[in-house]
Amino acid sequence: MHRFLLLFFSLAIGTLTAQYHRSERVVDINPSQHYHWATPSQFSAEHFSFLGLSAYSLDMRMSDLVIYYKTRQGTQWSAWIPFERITHGVIDDRIAFEAPQIDQKVDEIVFKTDREVLGLHIRLFEASLGTDTEASSIHFRGGTSVCVCEQPAYCNRSCWCPDGSCAPKSPAEPTTVTHFIVHHSAGHNRSSNYKMVVAYYWDLHVHTNGWDDIGYNWLIDPNGIIYEGRPSGKRGAHFSCMNGGTLGVAMIGNFEEVQPTQAALQKLKELLTWEACDKDITAFDRSKHNASGLNLYHISGHRDGNVAQVGCPKGTVCPGKYLYAKLSEIRTDI
């Protein structure tokens, strides 16, 4: 049985007119994703005002549904705020919510739910700015969005292993990526040939560890060069035997000893921004990682898996104290 959610949103300057423009779509949502109303920078509104939203389900399994929203001003996000439930309704199969007026200009509004909802029916109302003026567009982006971010340039396998001797022993298995795991290589803080360093890691992982290929999906050297490992979307060998659902990015260096370079950090942000966009993953939130059973940030460090009761965690300090301390800033920047 489908569940339906009606969402109402209005754009206001001064007094709203009675003129509305409506757009609709149906999407599936789950609590590990956020759904955005992206407000273009040319908006001149001094504030936005939610009219409210209502939800109804034919099977009544949404009776305790919680819906949250938060807003962004510049680079600052508000806390998650639950919509207030309206309790005086008399229709048994309908739930209504309302939100307070937002009294400042915002750059983006995001909402999420506490459970998966299939066949979500979105009805978006846009209020006009006057009787002869059309409202600026408000765009809804859901789980079926297409990424418009540009993929950063990278050195592919034939670039770091030009003689072709570093082929995978067998094709990697696909995985649906839900979490990005950041690593350090724990060595080679300085080198004049990082292509050779990447080839060395491939040899180590294949001929010493016995893996089918290099363990990481991506590597980044201190000069800010990105190197291709296992294909994006293929399961690697990097997260303590809990690799399902992950994408592994290794920063080359030992960040227990030195700070990562700004060039490398910038490329890490660019790469994870593209990956998050491509896979519709929200960089600043957390959710359950099924392979480990842990509630992890979508951008986590290898050491975050140390407390897992499954896999083979061994108390690693990866990605090193100096890089690990920057993960919160990286999530925010992305």
C-alpha atoms as a PDB file:
ATOM      1  CA  MET A   1       0.000   0.000   0.000  1.00  0.00           C
ATOM      2  CA  HIS A   2       1.354   3.394  -0.893  1.00  0.00           C
ATOM      3  CA  ARG A   3       1.878   6.079   1.679  1.00  0.00           C
ATOM      4  CA  PHE A   4       1.277   9.657   0.732  1.00  0.00           C
ATOM      5  CA  LEU A   5       2.678  12.900   2.062  1.00  0.00           C
ATOM      6  CA  LEU A   6       1.423  16.327   1.043  1.00  0.00           C
ATOM      7  CA  LEU A   7       4.003  19.054   1.537  1.00  0.00           C
ATOM      8  CA  PHE A   8       3.107  22.715   1.291  1.00  0.00           C
ATOM      9  CA  PHE A   9       5.712  25.437   0.954  1.00  0.00           C
ATOM     10  CA  SER A  10       5.202  29.161   0.370  1.00  0.00           C
ATOM     11  CA  LEU A  11       7.453  32.028  -0.611  1.00  0.00           C
ATOM     12  CA  ALA A  12       6.480  35.301   1.056  1.00  0.00           C
ATOM     13  CA  ILE A  13       7.336  38.977   0.896  1.00  0.00           C
ATOM     14  CA  GLY A  14       5.151  41.086   3.088  1.00  0.00           C
ATOM     15  CA  THR A  15       1.595  39.776   2.694  1.00  0.00           C
ATOM     16  CA  LEU A  16       1.054  36.659   0.623  1.00  0.00           C
ATOM     17  CA  THR A  17      -1.457  36.833  -2.173  1.00  0.00           C
ATOM     18  CA  ALA A  18      -3.930  34.051  -2.848  1.00  0.00           C
ATOM     19  CA  GLN A  19      -2.185  33.114  -6.100  1.00  0.00           C
ATOM     20  CA  TYR A  20      -0.335  29.775  -6.017  1.00  0.00           C
ATOM     21  CA  HIS A  21       1.520  27.646  -8.547  1.00  0.00           C
ATOM     22  CA  ARG A  22       1.677  23.927  -7.996  1.00  0.00           C
ATOM     23  CA  SER A  23       4.085  21.182  -9.016  1.00  0.00           C
ATOM     24  CA  GLU A  24       3.867  17.525  -8.076  1.00  0.00           C
ATOM     25  CA  ARG A  25       5.954  14.362  -8.171  1.00  0.00           C
ATOM     26  CA  VAL A  26       6.146  10.942  -6.564  1.00  0.00           C
ATOM     27  CA  VAL A  27       9.394   9.723  -4.956  1.00  0.00           C
ATOM     28  CA  ASP A  28      10.541   7.036  -2.544  1.00  0.00           C
ATOM     29  CA  ILE A  29      12.424   8.236   0.532  1.00  0.00           C
ATOM     30  CA  ASN A  30      14.327   6.627   3.375  1.00  0.00           C
ATOM     31  CA  PRO A  31      15.656   8.033   6.654  1.00  0.00           C
ATOM     32  CA  SER A  32      19.310   7.884   5.548  1.00  0.00           C
ATOM     33  CA  GLN A  33      18.716  10.555   2.905  1.00  0.00           C
ATOM     34  CA  HIS A  34      17.788  14.213   3.090  1.00  0.00           C
ATOM     35  CA  TYR A  35      15.446  15.950   0.661  1.00  0.00           C
ATOM     36  CA  HIS A  36      16.088  19.502  -0.353  1.00  0.00           C
ATOM     37  CA  TRP A  37      14.244  22.601  -1.343  1.00  0.00           C
ATOM     38  CA  ALA A  38      17.202  24.500  -2.851  1.00  0.00           C
ATOM     39  CA  THR A  39      16.492  28.228  -2.898  1.00  0.00           C
ATOM     40  CA  PRO A  40      18.291  30.102  -5.723  1.00  0.00           C
ATOM     41  CA  SER A  41      20.604  32.943  -4.742  1.00  0.00           C
ATOM     42  CA  GLN A  42      18.528  35.449  -6.722  1.00  0.00           C
ATOM     43  CA  PHE A  43      15.615  35.102  -4.303  1.00  0.00           C
ATOM     44  CA  SER A  44      14.801  38.500  -2.833  1.00  0.00           C
ATOM     45  CA  ALA A  45      12.467  37.252  -0.119  1.00  0.00           C
ATOM     46  CA  GLU A  46      13.172  38.425   3.409  1.00  0.00           C
ATOM     47  CA  HIS A  47      11.742  35.238   4.855  1.00  0.00           C
ATOM     48  CA  PHE A  48       9.984  32.025   3.907  1.00  0.00           C
ATOM     49  CA  SER A  49       6.845  30.708   5.536  1.00  0.00           C
ATOM     50  CA  PHE A  50       5.749  27.081   5.670  1.00  0.00           C
ATOM     51  CA  LEU A  51       2.025  26.654   5.284  1.00  0.00           C
ATOM     52  CA  GLY A  52       2.384  23.228   6.803  1.00  0.00           C
ATOM     53  CA  LEU A  53       2.158  19.651   5.592  1.00  0.00           C
ATOM     54  CA  SER A  54      -0.148  16.703   5.965  1.00  0.00           C
ATOM     55  CA  ALA A  55       0.446  12.989   5.611  1.00  0.00           C
ATOM     56  CA  TYR A  56      -1.983  10.174   5.085  1.00  0.00           C
ATOM     57  CA  SER A  57      -1.664   6.441   4.705  1.00  0.00           C
ATOM     58  CA  LEU A  58      -4.329   3.953   3.773  1.00  0.00           C
ATOM     59  CA  ASP A  59      -2.853   1.326   6.096  1.00  0.00           C
ATOM     60  CA  MET A  60      -2.270   3.742   9.005  1.00  0.00           C
ATOM     61  CA  ARG A  61       1.350   2.650   9.554  1.00  0.00           C
ATOM     62  CA  MET A  62       2.395   6.293   9.483  1.00  0.00           C
ATOM     63  CA  SER A  63       0.476   7.113  12.643  1.00  0.00           C
ATOM     64  CA  ASP A  64       3.692   7.868  14.559  1.00  0.00           C
ATOM     65  CA  LEU A  65       5.681   9.297  11.644  1.00  0.00           C
ATOM     66  CA  VAL A  66       8.089  12.118  12.575  1.00  0.00           C
ATOM     67  CA  ILE A  67       9.203  14.642   9.958  1.00  0.00           C
ATOM     68  CA  TYR A  68      12.095  17.063  10.578  1.00  0.00           C
ATOM     69  CA  TYR A  69      13.439  20.106   8.800  1.00  0.00           C
ATOM     70  CA  LYS A  70      16.423  22.401   9.099  1.00  0.00           C
ATOM     71  CA  THR A  71      17.584  25.537   7.323  1.00  0.00           C
ATOM     72  CA  ARG A  72      20.907  26.888   6.111  1.00  0.00           C
ATOM     73  CA  GLN A  73      22.087  30.508   6.250  1.00  0.00           C
ATOM     74  CA  GLY A  74      25.434  30.866   4.518  1.00  0.00           C
ATOM     75  CA  THR A  75      27.475  27.937   5.838  1.00  0.00           C
ATOM     76  CA  GLN A  76      25.532  27.514   9.081  1.00  0.00           C
ATOM     77  CA  TRP A  77      22.848  24.854   9.450  1.00  0.00           C
ATOM     78  CA  SER A  78      20.221  24.939  12.163  1.00  0.00           C
ATOM     79  CA  ALA A  79      19.518  21.922  14.321  1.00  0.00           C
ATOM     80  CA  TRP A  80      16.950  19.378  13.145  1.00  0.00           C
ATOM     81  CA  ILE A  81      13.503  20.652  14.131  1.00  0.00           C
ATOM     82  CA  PRO A  82      10.463  18.332  14.180  1.00  0.00           C
ATOM     83  CA  PHE A  83       7.311  19.580  12.547  1.00  0.00           C
ATOM     84  CA  GLU A  84       4.651  20.107  15.187  1.00  0.00           C
ATOM     85  CA  ARG A  85       1.841  17.566  14.976  1.00  0.00           C
ATOM     86  CA  ILE A  86      -1.699  18.945  14.826  1.00  0.00           C
ATOM     87  CA  THR A  87      -3.809  16.846  17.176  1.00  0.00           C
ATOM     88  CA  HIS A  88      -7.319  18.211  16.716  1.00  0.00           C
ATOM     89  CA  GLY A  89      -8.058  16.612  13.350  1.00  0.00           C
ATOM     90  CA  VAL A  90     -11.053  14.326  12.948  1.00  0.00           C
ATOM     91  CA  ILE A  91     -10.016  12.349   9.810  1.00  0.00           C
ATOM     92  CA  ASP A  92      -8.716   8.979  11.011  1.00  0.00           C
ATOM     93  CA  ASP A  93      -6.260   8.285   8.202  1.00  0.00           C
ATOM     94  CA  ARG A  94      -4.654  11.721   7.965  1.00  0.00           C
ATOM     95  CA  ILE A  95      -1.833  13.295   9.988  1.00  0.00           C
ATOM     96  CA  ALA A  96      -1.209  17.022   9.831  1.00  0.00           C
ATOM     97  CA  PHE A  97       1.872  19.031  10.786  1.00  0.00           C
ATOM     98  CA  GLU A  98       2.783  22.671  10.921  1.00  0.00           C
ATOM     99  CA  ALA A  99       6.030  24.612  11.251  1.00  0.00           C
ATOM    100  CA  PRO A 100       6.730  28.081  12.637  1.00  0.00           C
ATOM    101  CA  GLN A 101       7.385  30.991  10.338  1.00  0.00           C
ATOM    102  CA  ILE A 102      11.055  31.400   9.409  1.00  0.00           C
ATOM    103  CA  ASP A 103      11.878  35.017  10.109  1.00  0.00           C
ATOM    104  CA  GLN A 104      15.187  35.279   8.283  1.00  0.00           C
ATOM    105  CA  LYS A 105      16.334  34.750   4.732  1.00  0.00           C
ATOM    106  CA  VAL A 106      17.556  31.189   4.238  1.00  0.00           C
ATOM    107  CA  ASP A 107      19.615  29.613   1.473  1.00  0.00           C
ATOM    108  CA  GLU A 108      18.292  26.083   1.724  1.00  0.00           C
ATOM    109  CA  ILE A 109      15.643  24.049   3.490  1.00  0.00           C
ATOM    110  CA  VAL A 110      16.082  20.302   4.047  1.00  0.00           C
ATOM    111  CA  PHE A 111      13.706  17.735   5.463  1.00  0.00           C
ATOM    112  CA  LYS A 112      13.977  14.088   6.506  1.00  0.00           C
ATOM    113  CA  THR A 113      11.758  11.418   8.037  1.00  0.00           C
ATOM    114  CA  ASP A 114      12.374   8.848  10.752  1.00  0.00           C
ATOM    115  CA  ARG A 115      11.346   5.929   8.523  1.00  0.00           C
ATOM    116  CA  GLU A 116      11.205   4.739   4.946  1.00  0.00           C
ATOM    117  CA  VAL A 117       8.219   5.951   2.954  1.00  0.00           C
ATOM    118  CA  LEU A 118       7.408   4.455  -0.445  1.00  0.00           C
ATOM    119  CA  GLY A 119       5.409   6.186  -3.139  1.00  0.00           C
ATOM    120  CA  LEU A 120       5.723   9.560  -1.449  1.00  0.00           C
ATOM    121  CA  HIS A 121       3.409  12.049  -3.139  1.00  0.00           C
ATOM    122  CA  ILE A 122       4.891  15.553  -3.100  1.00  0.00           C
ATOM    123  CA  ARG A 123       2.649  18.498  -3.820  1.00  0.00           C
ATOM    124  CA  LEU A 124       4.598  21.760  -3.751  1.00  0.00           C
ATOM    125  CA  PHE A 125       2.807  25.107  -3.698  1.00  0.00           C
ATOM    126  CA  GLU A 126       4.652  28.285  -4.684  1.00  0.00           C
ATOM    127  CA  ALA A 127       3.105  31.594  -3.704  1.00  0.00           C
ATOM    128  CA  SER A 128       3.398  34.443  -6.174  1.00  0.00           C
ATOM    129  CA  LEU A 129       4.976  37.745  -5.138  1.00  0.00           C
ATOM    130  CA  GLY A 130       2.046  39.750  -6.481  1.00  0.00           C
ATOM    131  CA  THR A 131      -0.853  39.528  -8.855  1.00  0.00           C
ATOM    132  CA  ASP A 132       1.354  40.054 -11.933  1.00  0.00           C
ATOM    133  CA  THR A 133       4.602  38.467 -10.721  1.00  0.00           C
ATOM    134  CA  GLU A 134       5.430  34.790 -10.928  1.00  0.00           C
ATOM    135  CA  ALA A 135       7.240  33.190  -8.002  1.00  0.00           C
ATOM    136  CA  SER A 136      10.854  32.212  -8.397  1.00  0.00           C
ATOM    137  CA  SER A 137      11.363  28.488  -8.879  1.00  0.00           C
ATOM    138  CA  ILE A 138      11.771  26.248  -5.868  1.00  0.00           C
ATOM    139  CA  HIS A 139      13.400  22.967  -6.855  1.00  0.00           C
ATOM    140  CA  PHE A 140      12.823  19.672  -5.117  1.00  0.00           C
ATOM    141  CA  ARG A 141      15.733  17.214  -5.200  1.00  0.00           C
ATOM    142  CA  GLY A 142      15.079  13.655  -4.134  1.00  0.00           C
ATOM    143  CA  GLY A 143      16.645  10.228  -4.436  1.00  0.00           C
ATOM    144  CA  THR A 144      16.364  10.134  -8.227  1.00  0.00           C
ATOM    145  CA  SER A 145      18.388  13.296  -8.818  1.00  0.00           C
ATOM    146  CA  VAL A 146      21.224  13.372 -11.341  1.00  0.00           C
ATOM    147  CA  CYS A 147      24.531  14.764 -10.106  1.00  0.00           C
ATOM    148  CA  VAL A 148      25.623  18.006 -11.750  1.00  0.00           C
ATOM    149  CA  CYS A 149      28.997  18.146  -9.966  1.00  0.00           C
ATOM    150  CA  GLU A 150      32.077  17.679 -12.109  1.00  0.00           C
ATOM    151  CA  GLN A 151      34.236  14.663 -11.330  1.00  0.00           C
ATOM    152  CA  PRO A 152      37.778  15.725 -10.386  1.00  0.00           C
ATOM    153  CA  ALA A 153      40.625  14.743 -12.705  1.00  0.00           C
ATOM    154  CA  TYR A 154      42.547  11.651 -11.632  1.00  0.00           C
ATOM    155  CA  CYS A 155      45.441   9.365 -12.557  1.00  0.00           C
ATOM    156  CA  ASN A 156      43.889   6.086 -13.697  1.00  0.00           C
ATOM    157  CA  ARG A 157      45.422   2.618 -13.457  1.00  0.00           C
ATOM    158  CA  SER A 158      47.290   2.892 -16.747  1.00  0.00           C
ATOM    159  CA  CYS A 159      48.701   6.210 -15.490  1.00  0.00           C
ATOM    160  CA  TRP A 160      50.220   4.801 -12.276  1.00  0.00           C
ATOM    161  CA  CYS A 161      51.022   1.387 -13.788  1.00  0.00           C
ATOM    162  CA  PRO A 162      51.849   2.100 -17.449  1.00  0.00           C
ATOM    163  CA  ASP A 163      53.308  -1.341 -18.184  1.00  0.00           C
ATOM    164  CA  GLY A 164      49.929  -2.960 -17.455  1.00  0.00           C
ATOM    165  CA  SER A 165      51.288  -5.319 -14.797  1.00  0.00           C
ATOM    166  CA  CYS A 166      48.897  -4.152 -12.042  1.00  0.00           C
ATOM    167  CA  ALA A 167      45.637  -5.626 -13.295  1.00  0.00           C
ATOM    168  CA  PRO A 168      43.066  -6.961 -10.800  1.00  0.00           C
ATOM    169  CA  LYS A 169      43.216 -10.720 -10.248  1.00  0.00           C
ATOM    170  CA  SER A 170      39.420 -10.879 -10.597  1.00  0.00           C
ATOM    171  CA  PRO A 171      36.594  -8.354 -11.104  1.00  0.00           C
ATOM    172  CA  ALA A 172      35.502  -6.551  -7.951  1.00  0.00           C
ATOM    173  CA  GLU A 173      32.014  -7.171  -6.603  1.00  0.00           C
ATOM    174  CA  PRO A 174      29.550  -4.270  -6.786  1.00  0.00           C
ATOM    175  CA  THR A 175      28.223  -2.686  -3.616  1.00  0.00           C
ATOM    176  CA  THR A 176      25.636   0.024  -2.945  1.00  0.00           C
ATOM    177  CA  VAL A 177      27.705   2.712  -1.261  1.00  0.00           C
ATOM    178  CA  THR A 178      26.192   4.315   1.843  1.00  0.00           C
ATOM    179  CA  HIS A 179      29.350   5.424   3.686  1.00  0.00           C
ATOM    180  CA  PHE A 180      32.726   6.893   2.742  1.00  0.00           C
ATOM    181  CA  ILE A 181      35.683   5.668   4.822  1.00  0.00           C
ATOM    182  CA  VAL A 182      38.763   7.913   4.994  1.00  0.00           C
ATOM    183  CA  HIS A 183      42.188   6.313   5.545  1.00  0.00           C
ATOM    184  CA  HIS A 184      45.831   7.195   5.667  1.00  0.00           C
ATOM    185  CA  SER A 185      48.445   4.940   4.135  1.00  0.00           C
ATOM    186  CA  ALA A 186      50.599   5.234   7.310  1.00  0.00           C
ATOM    187  CA  GLY A 187      53.812   5.757   5.346  1.00  0.00           C
ATOM    188  CA  HIS A 188      55.604   7.726   2.632  1.00  0.00           C
ATOM    189  CA  ASN A 189      55.207  11.271   3.904  1.00  0.00           C
ATOM    190  CA  ARG A 190      57.660  12.291   1.198  1.00  0.00           C
ATOM    191  CA  SER A 191      58.282  10.820  -2.227  1.00  0.00           C
ATOM    192  CA  SER A 192      59.426  11.994  -5.633  1.00  0.00           C
ATOM    193  CA  ASN A 193      57.296   9.383  -7.415  1.00  0.00           C
ATOM    194  CA  TYR A 194      53.846   8.796  -5.952  1.00  0.00           C
ATOM    195  CA  LYS A 195      52.784   6.735  -8.950  1.00  0.00           C
ATOM    196  CA  MET A 196      55.362   4.199  -7.826  1.00  0.00           C
ATOM    197  CA  VAL A 197      54.011   4.441  -4.265  1.00  0.00           C
ATOM    198  CA  VAL A 198      50.517   3.530  -5.502  1.00  0.00           C
ATOM    199  CA  ALA A 199      51.938   0.636  -7.519  1.00  0.00           C
ATOM    200  CA  TYR A 200      53.754  -0.531  -4.377  1.00  0.00           C
ATOM    201  CA  TYR A 201      50.468  -0.540  -2.430  1.00  0.00           C
ATOM    202  CA  TRP A 202      48.874  -2.608  -5.189  1.00  0.00           C
ATOM    203  CA  ASP A 203      51.733  -5.121  -4.972  1.00  0.00           C
ATOM    204  CA  LEU A 204      51.520  -5.213  -1.175  1.00  0.00           C
ATOM    205  CA  HIS A 205      47.762  -5.746  -1.156  1.00  0.00           C
ATOM    206  CA  VAL A 206      47.787  -8.414  -3.873  1.00  0.00           C
ATOM    207  CA  HIS A 207      51.004 -10.350  -3.281  1.00  0.00           C
ATOM    208  CA  THR A 208      51.374  -9.958   0.496  1.00  0.00           C
ATOM    209  CA  ASN A 209      47.800  -9.552   1.744  1.00  0.00           C
ATOM    210  CA  GLY A 210      46.399 -11.945  -0.853  1.00  0.00           C
ATOM    211  CA  TRP A 211      43.641  -9.604  -2.014  1.00  0.00           C
ATOM    212  CA  ASP A 212      42.321  -9.487  -5.562  1.00  0.00           C
ATOM    213  CA  ASP A 213      43.321  -5.852  -6.092  1.00  0.00           C
ATOM    214  CA  ILE A 214      44.454  -2.713  -4.325  1.00  0.00           C
ATOM    215  CA  GLY A 215      42.220  -2.270  -1.305  1.00  0.00           C
ATOM    216  CA  TYR A 216      41.141   1.357  -1.788  1.00  0.00           C
ATOM    217  CA  ASN A 217      38.797   2.892  -4.341  1.00  0.00           C
ATOM    218  CA  TRP A 218      40.789   6.133  -4.444  1.00  0.00           C
ATOM    219  CA  LEU A 219      44.142   7.427  -3.201  1.00  0.00           C
ATOM    220  CA  ILE A 220      45.344  11.025  -2.913  1.00  0.00           C
ATOM    221  CA  ASP A 221      48.983  12.092  -2.646  1.00  0.00           C
ATOM    222  CA  PRO A 222      50.297  15.169  -0.753  1.00  0.00           C
ATOM    223  CA  ASN A 223      50.485  17.125  -4.032  1.00  0.00           C
ATOM    224  CA  GLY A 224      46.722  16.761  -4.497  1.00  0.00           C
ATOM    225  CA  ILE A 225      46.836  14.126  -7.245  1.00  0.00           C
ATOM    226  CA  ILE A 226      43.963  11.621  -7.136  1.00  0.00           C
ATOM    227  CA  TYR A 227      44.685   8.002  -8.116  1.00  0.00           C
ATOM    228  CA  GLU A 228      42.132   5.449  -9.230  1.00  0.00           C
ATOM    229  CA  GLY A 229      42.018   2.178  -7.266  1.00  0.00           C
ATOM    230  CA  ARG A 230      39.116  -0.218  -7.406  1.00  0.00           C
ATOM    231  CA  PRO A 231      36.271   1.296  -9.439  1.00  0.00           C
ATOM    232  CA  SER A 232      33.852   3.516  -7.566  1.00  0.00           C
ATOM    233  CA  GLY A 233      30.853   1.441  -6.539  1.00  0.00           C
ATOM    234  CA  LYS A 234      32.926  -1.738  -6.251  1.00  0.00           C
ATOM    235  CA  ARG A 235      33.581  -3.327  -2.862  1.00  0.00           C
ATOM    236  CA  GLY A 236      37.114  -2.722  -1.639  1.00  0.00           C
ATOM    237  CA  ALA A 237      39.267  -4.224   1.109  1.00  0.00           C
ATOM    238  CA  HIS A 238      39.932  -1.457   3.614  1.00  0.00           C
ATOM    239  CA  PHE A 239      37.391  -1.356   6.461  1.00  0.00           C
ATOM    240  CA  SER A 240      38.309  -4.198   8.818  1.00  0.00           C
ATOM    241  CA  CYS A 241      36.413  -6.963   6.976  1.00  0.00           C
ATOM    242  CA  MET A 242      33.218  -4.825   6.937  1.00  0.00           C
ATOM    243  CA  ASN A 243      33.547  -3.455   3.402  1.00  0.00           C
ATOM    244  CA  GLY A 244      29.983  -3.796   2.132  1.00  0.00           C
ATOM    245  CA  GLY A 245      28.340  -0.424   1.533  1.00  0.00           C
ATOM    246  CA  THR A 246      31.619   1.500   1.714  1.00  0.00           C
ATOM    247  CA  LEU A 247      33.917   3.478  -0.538  1.00  0.00           C
ATOM    248  CA  GLY A 248      37.517   3.758   0.681  1.00  0.00           C
ATOM    249  CA  VAL A 249      39.700   6.828   0.120  1.00  0.00           C
ATOM    250  CA  ALA A 250      43.319   6.711   1.285  1.00  0.00           C
ATOM    251  CA  MET A 251      45.360   9.848   1.826  1.00  0.00           C
ATOM    252  CA  ILE A 252      49.003   8.932   1.237  1.00  0.00           C
ATOM    253  CA  GLY A 253      51.042   9.754   4.330  1.00  0.00           C
ATOM    254  CA  ASN A 254      51.225   9.056   8.042  1.00  0.00           C
ATOM    255  CA  PHE A 255      48.931  11.555   9.732  1.00  0.00           C
ATOM    256  CA  GLU A 256      49.818  10.420  13.202  1.00  0.00           C
ATOM    257  CA  GLU A 257      53.110  12.201  12.462  1.00  0.00           C
ATOM    258  CA  VAL A 258      52.342  15.086  10.087  1.00  0.00           C
ATOM    259  CA  GLN A 259      49.454  17.297   9.060  1.00  0.00           C
ATOM    260  CA  PRO A 260      47.847  16.555   5.681  1.00  0.00           C
ATOM    261  CA  THR A 261      48.671  19.164   3.046  1.00  0.00           C
ATOM    262  CA  GLN A 262      46.079  21.711   1.981  1.00  0.00           C
ATOM    263  CA  ALA A 263      46.380  20.450  -1.600  1.00  0.00           C
ATOM    264  CA  ALA A 264      45.487  16.915  -0.522  1.00  0.00           C
ATOM    265  CA  LEU A 265      42.624  18.074   1.724  1.00  0.00           C
ATOM    266  CA  GLN A 266      41.158  20.173  -1.081  1.00  0.00           C
ATOM    267  CA  LYS A 267      41.182  17.203  -3.452  1.00  0.00           C
ATOM    268  CA  LEU A 268      39.655  14.987  -0.778  1.00  0.00           C
ATOM    269  CA  LYS A 269      36.776  17.455  -0.444  1.00  0.00           C
ATOM    270  CA  GLU A 270      36.332  17.707  -4.215  1.00  0.00           C
ATOM    271  CA  LEU A 271      36.357  13.944  -4.627  1.00  0.00           C
ATOM    272  CA  LEU A 272      33.920  13.253  -1.786  1.00  0.00           C
ATOM    273  CA  THR A 273      31.663  16.079  -2.963  1.00  0.00           C
ATOM    274  CA  TRP A 274      31.399  14.426  -6.363  1.00  0.00           C
ATOM    275  CA  GLU A 275      30.910  10.968  -4.865  1.00  0.00           C
ATOM    276  CA  ALA A 276      28.231  12.237  -2.463  1.00  0.00           C
ATOM    277  CA  CYS A 277      26.422  13.961  -5.308  1.00  0.00           C
ATOM    278  CA  ASP A 278      26.769  10.981  -7.646  1.00  0.00           C
ATOM    279  CA  LYS A 279      25.432   8.542  -5.042  1.00  0.00           C
ATOM    280  CA  ASP A 280      22.940  10.949  -3.422  1.00  0.00           C
ATOM    281  CA  ILE A 281      24.565  10.659   0.002  1.00  0.00           C
ATOM    282  CA  THR A 282      24.350  13.499   2.514  1.00  0.00           C
ATOM    283  CA  ALA A 283      27.844  14.241   3.739  1.00  0.00           C
ATOM    284  CA  PHE A 284      26.828  15.834   7.054  1.00  0.00           C
ATOM    285  CA  ASP A 285      24.597  13.110   8.500  1.00  0.00           C
ATOM    286  CA  ARG A 286      24.970   9.598   9.888  1.00  0.00           C
ATOM    287  CA  SER A 287      23.052   6.339   9.499  1.00  0.00           C
ATOM    288  CA  LYS A 288      23.400   2.635  10.162  1.00  0.00           C
ATOM    289  CA  HIS A 289      26.165   0.921   8.224  1.00  0.00           C
ATOM    290  CA  ASN A 290      24.761  -2.534   7.650  1.00  0.00           C
ATOM    291  CA  ALA A 291      28.033  -4.459   7.333  1.00  0.00           C
ATOM    292  CA  SER A 292      29.344  -3.227  10.700  1.00  0.00           C
ATOM    293  CA  GLY A 293      26.037  -2.647  12.487  1.00  0.00           C
ATOM    294  CA  LEU A 294      27.327   0.773  13.574  1.00  0.00           C
ATOM    295  CA  ASN A 295      25.632   4.155  13.318  1.00  0.00           C
ATOM    296  CA  LEU A 296      28.346   5.952  11.357  1.00  0.00           C
ATOM    297  CA  TYR A 297      28.787   9.371   9.829  1.00  0.00           C
ATOM    298  CA  HIS A 298      28.494   9.104   6.069  1.00  0.00           C
ATOM    299  CA  ILE A 299      32.086  10.359   6.016  1.00  0.00           C
ATOM    300  CA  SER A 300      33.916   8.393   8.695  1.00  0.00           C
ATOM    301  CA  GLY A 301      37.466   7.427   9.562  1.00  0.00           C
ATOM    302  CA  HIS A 302      38.743   3.859   9.566  1.00  0.00           C
ATOM    303  CA  ARG A 303      39.107   3.989  13.365  1.00  0.00           C
ATOM    304  CA  ASP A 304      35.344   4.509  13.713  1.00  0.00           C
ATOM    305  CA  GLY A 305      34.978   0.788  13.029  1.00  0.00           C
ATOM    306  CA  ASN A 306      37.068  -0.231  16.036  1.00  0.00           C
ATOM    307  CA  VAL A 307      34.017  -0.775  18.266  1.00  0.00           C
ATOM    308  CA  ALA A 308      32.229  -3.111  15.855  1.00  0.00           C
ATOM    309  CA  GLN A 309      31.275  -6.541  17.175  1.00  0.00           C
ATOM    310  CA  VAL A 310      31.705  -8.097  13.734  1.00  0.00           C
ATOM    311  CA  GLY A 311      34.428  -8.054  11.086  1.00  0.00           C
ATOM    312  CA  CYS A 312      38.087  -7.910  12.135  1.00  0.00           C
ATOM    313  CA  PRO A 313      38.698  -4.553  13.857  1.00  0.00           C
ATOM    314  CA  LYS A 314      42.120  -4.355  15.490  1.00  0.00           C
ATOM    315  CA  GLY A 315      42.189  -0.948  17.164  1.00  0.00           C
ATOM    316  CA  THR A 316      43.619   1.002  14.232  1.00  0.00           C
ATOM    317  CA  VAL A 317      44.476   4.711  14.589  1.00  0.00           C
ATOM    318  CA  CYS A 318      43.814   5.233  10.861  1.00  0.00           C
ATOM    319  CA  PRO A 319      43.474   7.863   9.359  1.00  0.00           C
ATOM    320  CA  GLY A 320      45.825   9.357  11.951  1.00  0.00           C
ATOM    321  CA  LYS A 321      45.014  11.920  14.615  1.00  0.00           C
ATOM    322  CA  TYR A 322      45.696  14.987  12.453  1.00  0.00           C
ATOM    323  CA  LEU A 323      43.484  13.903   9.557  1.00  0.00           C
ATOM    324  CA  TYR A 324      40.787  12.412  11.781  1.00  0.00           C
ATOM    325  CA  ALA A 325      40.454  15.748  13.595  1.00  0.00           C
ATOM    326  CA  LYS A 326      39.559  17.403  10.274  1.00  0.00           C
ATOM    327  CA  LEU A 327      36.684  15.090   9.314  1.00  0.00           C
ATOM    328  CA  SER A 328      34.020  17.250  10.970  1.00  0.00           C
ATOM    329  CA  GLU A 329      35.258  20.298   9.045  1.00  0.00           C
ATOM    330  CA  ILE A 330      35.354  18.240   5.833  1.00  0.00           C
ATOM    331  CA  ARG A 331      31.724  17.151   6.294  1.00  0.00           C
ATOM    332  CA  THR A 332      30.658  20.752   6.843  1.00  0.00           C
ATOM    333  CA  ASP A 333      32.606  22.070   3.857  1.00  0.00           C
ATOM    334  CA  ILE A 334      31.178  19.405   1.551  1.00  0.00           C
END
